[in-house]
Structures are given as structure tokens and as C-alpha cells.
Amino acid sequence: ELENQLTTKCKTLDEIKQSLALNGSAEQTPEALSLRIAELCEMVDSIVSQVAQLKTSMQSILEQWRVYDEVYADVSLMTTRYFYCIDQCKPSVMSLEALKNQVKTLQ
């Protein structure tokens, strides 16, 4: 979206430059306006470059988050398996009441 806005602004600057070349301006000399437009064009080019760098950086960050999500899912699954194993490996020394409660839970 930002790239599209910058492209639109560049086109607008070009139109202004052409309009000034044809009409001139009473407030400022054409040379001063032309210099100002050139500065604006340089600023737009700089911003386009920064947006490209930001886009590359964001893609890298998104890739790192994707890897993080995959690893987190794996760790979560391993943790669940671990807790299940721990639960199954508990000593079977239980009272009669505890065994009855477990039978009810299993039913």
C-alpha cells in the first residue's frame, strides 16, 4: 500500500514539474521550484528504498515467526506426551477408595 502511495506521489510530482515548465510561477522562480521538486524526488527515492528494506526485513521476521510457531507446536506436543507418560508411570500404591475413584473416572 505504501509503495502504491509513493508511486502516486511520484506521478503527481512529475505532473507538477510539467505544469511548472509550461506555466511558470509568479511566487517563486522556475529554477527554485525545479530544485525543490528535485529534492522531493530524491526524498521519494529514499523512501522507496527504505520501504524495500523494510519489506525484506519484515519477510525475514515473518519467516522467523513461522519457524517459532512450528517449534512451539513441537514442544507443546512433547510436553503433553511427557505429562501423559508421567501420569501413567505413577506408583500404583493407592488406597481402596482411590482405586474406586479411578475406576469411576475411567468409566
C-alpha atoms as a PDB file:
ATOM      1  CA  GLU A   1       0.000   0.000   0.000  1.00  0.00           C
ATOM      2  CA  LEU A   2       2.821   2.348   0.896  1.00  0.00           C
ATOM      3  CA  GLU A   3       4.584   1.566  -2.365  1.00  0.00           C
ATOM      4  CA  ASN A   4       1.402   2.394  -4.288  1.00  0.00           C
ATOM      5  CA  GLN A   5       1.064   5.708  -2.456  1.00  0.00           C
ATOM      6  CA  LEU A   6       4.688   6.560  -3.246  1.00  0.00           C
ATOM      7  CA  THR A   7       4.143   5.767  -6.921  1.00  0.00           C
ATOM      8  CA  THR A   8       1.110   8.043  -6.960  1.00  0.00           C
ATOM      9  CA  LYS A   9       3.084  10.848  -5.310  1.00  0.00           C
ATOM     10  CA  CYS A  10       5.877  10.469  -7.876  1.00  0.00           C
ATOM     11  CA  LYS A  11       3.373  10.792 -10.698  1.00  0.00           C
ATOM     12  CA  THR A  12       1.902  13.878  -9.038  1.00  0.00           C
ATOM     13  CA  LEU A  13       5.387  15.417  -8.742  1.00  0.00           C
ATOM     14  CA  ASP A  14       6.042  14.731 -12.412  1.00  0.00           C
ATOM     15  CA  GLU A  15       2.740  16.384 -13.342  1.00  0.00           C
ATOM     16  CA  ILE A  16       3.630  19.436 -11.222  1.00  0.00           C
ATOM     17  CA  LYS A  17       7.059  19.592 -12.829  1.00  0.00           C
ATOM     18  CA  GLN A  18       5.494  19.532 -16.302  1.00  0.00           C
ATOM     19  CA  SER A  19       2.902  22.108 -15.312  1.00  0.00           C
ATOM     20  CA  LEU A  20       5.610  24.445 -13.977  1.00  0.00           C
ATOM     21  CA  ALA A  21       7.632  24.022 -17.114  1.00  0.00           C
ATOM     22  CA  LEU A  22       4.632  25.158 -19.147  1.00  0.00           C
ATOM     23  CA  ASN A  23       3.128  27.825 -16.886  1.00  0.00           C
ATOM     24  CA  GLY A  24       5.873  29.086 -14.614  1.00  0.00           C
ATOM     25  CA  SER A  25       5.088  30.611 -11.206  1.00  0.00           C
ATOM     26  CA  ALA A  26       4.795  34.178 -10.006  1.00  0.00           C
ATOM     27  CA  GLU A  27       5.715  33.366  -6.397  1.00  0.00           C
ATOM     28  CA  GLN A  28       8.986  31.508  -6.982  1.00  0.00           C
ATOM     29  CA  THR A  29      11.375  31.282  -9.849  1.00  0.00           C
ATOM     30  CA  PRO A  30      11.081  28.190 -12.010  1.00  0.00           C
ATOM     31  CA  GLU A  31      14.632  27.270 -11.061  1.00  0.00           C
ATOM     32  CA  ALA A  32      13.819  27.341  -7.321  1.00  0.00           C
ATOM     33  CA  LEU A  33      10.696  25.268  -7.861  1.00  0.00           C
ATOM     34  CA  SER A  34      12.593  22.874 -10.057  1.00  0.00           C
ATOM     35  CA  LEU A  35      15.249  22.439  -7.339  1.00  0.00           C
ATOM     36  CA  ARG A  36      12.548  21.854  -4.723  1.00  0.00           C
ATOM     37  CA  ILE A  37      10.864  19.249  -6.905  1.00  0.00           C
ATOM     38  CA  ALA A  38      14.222  17.550  -7.469  1.00  0.00           C
ATOM     39  CA  GLU A  39      14.718  17.432  -3.684  1.00  0.00           C
ATOM     40  CA  LEU A  40      11.265  15.935  -3.282  1.00  0.00           C
ATOM     41  CA  CYS A  41      12.039  13.323  -5.933  1.00  0.00           C
ATOM     42  CA  GLU A  42      15.230  12.398  -4.091  1.00  0.00           C
ATOM     43  CA  MET A  43      13.270  12.104  -0.858  1.00  0.00           C
ATOM     44  CA  VAL A  44      10.717   9.858  -2.567  1.00  0.00           C
ATOM     45  CA  ASP A  45      13.511   7.663  -3.955  1.00  0.00           C
ATOM     46  CA  SER A  46      14.992   7.419  -0.468  1.00  0.00           C
ATOM     47  CA  ILE A  47      11.627   6.436   0.977  1.00  0.00           C
ATOM     48  CA  VAL A  48      11.114   3.832  -1.755  1.00  0.00           C
ATOM     49  CA  SER A  49      14.498   2.360  -0.839  1.00  0.00           C
ATOM     50  CA  GLN A  50      13.603   2.341   2.860  1.00  0.00           C
ATOM     51  CA  VAL A  51      10.268   0.652   2.114  1.00  0.00           C
ATOM     52  CA  ALA A  52      12.081  -2.042   0.111  1.00  0.00           C
ATOM     53  CA  GLN A  53      14.473  -2.626   3.025  1.00  0.00           C
ATOM     54  CA  LEU A  54      11.557  -2.738   5.449  1.00  0.00           C
ATOM     55  CA  LYS A  55       9.730  -5.218   3.231  1.00  0.00           C
ATOM     56  CA  THR A  56      12.787  -7.505   3.165  1.00  0.00           C
ATOM     57  CA  SER A  57      13.180  -7.199   6.923  1.00  0.00           C
ATOM     58  CA  MET A  58       9.508  -7.953   7.522  1.00  0.00           C
ATOM     59  CA  GLN A  59       9.677 -11.056   5.314  1.00  0.00           C
ATOM     60  CA  SER A  60      12.622 -12.273   7.357  1.00  0.00           C
ATOM     61  CA  ILE A  61      10.747 -11.626  10.593  1.00  0.00           C
ATOM     62  CA  LEU A  62       7.661 -13.447   9.303  1.00  0.00           C
ATOM     63  CA  GLU A  63       9.829 -16.435   8.387  1.00  0.00           C
ATOM     64  CA  GLN A  64      11.334 -16.442  11.889  1.00  0.00           C
ATOM     65  CA  TRP A  65       7.843 -16.347  13.433  1.00  0.00           C
ATOM     66  CA  ARG A  66       6.772 -19.255  11.196  1.00  0.00           C
ATOM     67  CA  VAL A  67       9.748 -21.302  12.427  1.00  0.00           C
ATOM     68  CA  TYR A  68       8.935 -20.288  16.012  1.00  0.00           C
ATOM     69  CA  ASP A  69       5.316 -21.439  15.614  1.00  0.00           C
ATOM     70  CA  GLU A  70       6.459 -24.817  14.254  1.00  0.00           C
ATOM     71  CA  VAL A  71       8.942 -25.343  17.076  1.00  0.00           C
ATOM     72  CA  TYR A  72       6.378 -24.204  19.660  1.00  0.00           C
ATOM     73  CA  ALA A  73       3.870 -26.747  18.337  1.00  0.00           C
ATOM     74  CA  ASP A  74       6.506 -29.499  18.552  1.00  0.00           C
ATOM     75  CA  VAL A  75       7.481 -28.526  22.106  1.00  0.00           C
ATOM     76  CA  SER A  76       3.832 -28.361  23.130  1.00  0.00           C
ATOM     77  CA  LEU A  77       3.216 -31.856  21.751  1.00  0.00           C
ATOM     78  CA  MET A  78       6.313 -33.227  23.515  1.00  0.00           C
ATOM     79  CA  THR A  79       5.223 -31.606  26.774  1.00  0.00           C
ATOM     80  CA  THR A  80       1.780 -33.175  26.506  1.00  0.00           C
ATOM     81  CA  ARG A  81       3.349 -36.588  25.841  1.00  0.00           C
ATOM     82  CA  TYR A  82       5.696 -36.097  28.784  1.00  0.00           C
ATOM     83  CA  PHE A  83       2.836 -35.281  31.154  1.00  0.00           C
ATOM     84  CA  TYR A  84       0.898 -38.285  29.855  1.00  0.00           C
ATOM     85  CA  CYS A  85       3.888 -40.571  30.480  1.00  0.00           C
ATOM     86  CA  ILE A  86       4.430 -39.136  33.944  1.00  0.00           C
ATOM     87  CA  ASP A  87       0.759 -39.652  34.717  1.00  0.00           C
ATOM     88  CA  GLN A  88       0.924 -43.277  33.521  1.00  0.00           C
ATOM     89  CA  CYS A  89       4.118 -44.007  35.444  1.00  0.00           C
ATOM     90  CA  LYS A  90       2.785 -43.012  38.848  1.00  0.00           C
ATOM     91  CA  PRO A  91       3.248 -45.620  41.534  1.00  0.00           C
ATOM     92  CA  SER A  92       0.232 -47.870  41.802  1.00  0.00           C
ATOM     93  CA  VAL A  93       0.142 -47.738  45.581  1.00  0.00           C
ATOM     94  CA  MET A  94      -3.370 -46.478  46.168  1.00  0.00           C
ATOM     95  CA  SER A  95      -5.978 -46.880  48.756  1.00  0.00           C
ATOM     96  CA  LEU A  96      -9.130 -48.792  48.016  1.00  0.00           C
ATOM     97  CA  GLU A  97     -11.061 -45.503  47.885  1.00  0.00           C
ATOM     98  CA  ALA A  98      -8.614 -44.003  45.382  1.00  0.00           C
ATOM     99  CA  LEU A  99      -8.914 -47.100  43.181  1.00  0.00           C
ATOM    100  CA  LYS A 100     -12.706 -46.832  43.250  1.00  0.00           C
ATOM    101  CA  ASN A 101     -12.496 -43.179  42.235  1.00  0.00           C
ATOM    102  CA  GLN A 102     -10.135 -44.030  39.371  1.00  0.00           C
ATOM    103  CA  VAL A 103     -12.460 -46.774  38.159  1.00  0.00           C
ATOM    104  CA  LYS A 104     -15.324 -44.265  38.165  1.00  0.00           C
ATOM    105  CA  THR A 105     -13.193 -41.773  36.248  1.00  0.00           C
ATOM    106  CA  LEU A 106     -12.195 -44.368  33.670  1.00  0.00           C
ATOM    107  CA  GLN A 107     -15.822 -45.492  33.220  1.00  0.00           C
END
